[in-house]
Every structure is written in structure tokens, then in C-alpha cells.
Protein backbone atom coordinates (compact mmCIF):
# COMPACT_ATOMS: atom_id res chain seq x y z
CA UNK A 1 316.53 168.13 32.81
CA UNK A 2 314.28 169.20 30.16
CA UNK A 3 310.60 167.43 29.25
CA UNK A 4 310.57 164.61 27.51
CA UNK A 5 308.20 162.90 25.33
CA UNK A 6 307.24 159.68 25.32
CA UNK A 7 309.83 156.80 23.84
CA UNK A 8 309.76 156.44 19.74
CA UNK A 9 309.80 152.65 21.06
CA UNK A 10 310.87 149.97 23.93
CA UNK A 11 315.11 150.00 22.77
CA UNK A 12 314.95 153.66 22.99
CA UNK A 13 313.32 153.39 26.22
CA UNK A 14 315.50 150.93 27.70
CA UNK A 15 318.51 153.50 26.59
CA UNK A 16 317.34 156.57 28.41
CA UNK A 17 316.83 154.39 30.95
CA UNK A 18 320.27 152.90 30.91
CA UNK A 19 321.88 156.19 30.53
CA UNK A 20 320.02 157.70 34.20
CA UNK A 21 320.99 154.69 35.76
CA UNK A 22 324.75 155.32 34.60
CA UNK A 23 324.23 159.22 35.48
CA UNK A 24 322.43 158.72 38.70
CA UNK A 25 325.12 156.20 40.14
CA UNK A 26 328.36 158.66 39.79
CA UNK A 27 326.80 160.25 41.85
CA UNK A 28 328.16 163.65 40.12
CA UNK A 29 323.70 164.84 40.56
CA UNK A 30 322.55 167.47 42.96
CA UNK A 31 319.38 166.40 44.83
CA UNK A 32 317.40 168.11 42.86
CA UNK A 33 318.96 166.77 39.16
CA UNK A 34 318.74 163.19 41.02
CA UNK A 35 314.91 163.63 41.71
CA UNK A 36 314.58 164.70 38.45
CA UNK A 37 316.69 161.71 36.64
CA UNK A 38 314.17 159.27 39.11
CA UNK A 39 311.25 160.79 37.99
CA UNK A 40 312.24 160.57 35.14
CA UNK A 41 312.89 156.93 35.41
CA UNK A 42 309.84 156.18 36.63
CA UNK A 43 308.58 157.39 33.39
CA UNK A 44 310.28 155.81 31.04
CA UNK A 45 309.34 152.86 33.21
CA UNK A 46 305.68 153.22 33.18
CA UNK A 47 305.97 154.12 28.80
CA UNK A 48 308.21 150.45 28.61
CA UNK A 49 305.94 148.46 30.44
CA UNK A 50 303.05 149.16 28.33
CA UNK A 51 305.30 149.00 24.66
CA UNK A 52 305.62 145.61 26.58
CA UNK A 53 302.08 144.78 26.98
CA UNK A 54 300.90 146.14 23.56
CA UNK A 55 303.31 143.35 22.13
CA UNK A 56 302.48 140.80 24.39
CA UNK A 57 298.66 141.18 23.81
CA UNK A 58 299.39 141.67 20.68
CA UNK A 59 300.88 137.93 20.43
CA UNK A 60 298.23 136.16 22.55
CA UNK A 61 295.88 137.52 20.20
CA UNK A 62 297.89 136.05 16.92
CA UNK A 63 298.35 133.12 18.60
CA UNK A 64 294.80 132.77 19.92
CA UNK A 65 293.23 133.75 15.61
CA UNK A 66 296.15 131.16 14.66
CA UNK A 67 295.68 127.87 17.00
CA UNK A 68 293.81 125.86 14.93
CA UNK A 69 296.33 126.32 12.27
CA UNK A 70 298.77 124.05 11.52
CA UNK A 71 302.69 124.79 9.59
CA UNK A 72 304.03 122.26 7.09
CA UNK A 73 306.91 122.03 6.26
CA UNK A 74 309.02 123.85 3.82
CA UNK A 75 309.44 123.51 0.42
CA UNK A 76 313.23 125.97 -0.53
CA UNK A 77 312.61 125.91 -4.44
């Protein structure tokens, strides 16, 4: 399996991870291929966790910045 870069975004990382899992579950891979898939899966998991942690940090910062803000009624017109 060729070396791949970090996923573009969380969704593509999860999709690639699911593809790896599906392929491993079929049981048609050699031991070496299974190990490569497993290694890539570990890297993808870490990268996706990083993306989630960054998003969580952004939400926390935005929430703290706007802690004193109050919501008004929505004016449709």
C-alpha cells in the first residue's frame, strides 16, 4: 500500500478508515497487507482525533468569547 498523506478533512479520514476496516474484515489480505492497513488505520485515527480536538478548541474559544452575549428575537423581515 503506498504512503498516503493526512486526510483533507474529518469526513475523508473516516471514509478511508472505514474502507480499510471493510477490506481487513473480508479476510482476503496477506499478513503484510493487513499490517499496512492497520498501521494506516492507526495514523488516520490519530489524525481524525487531532481534527476533532482542534474543532473542540475552536468551539470552546467561541463559546467563551460570547459568554456574555445574549440572544435576541429573530426578525424574519
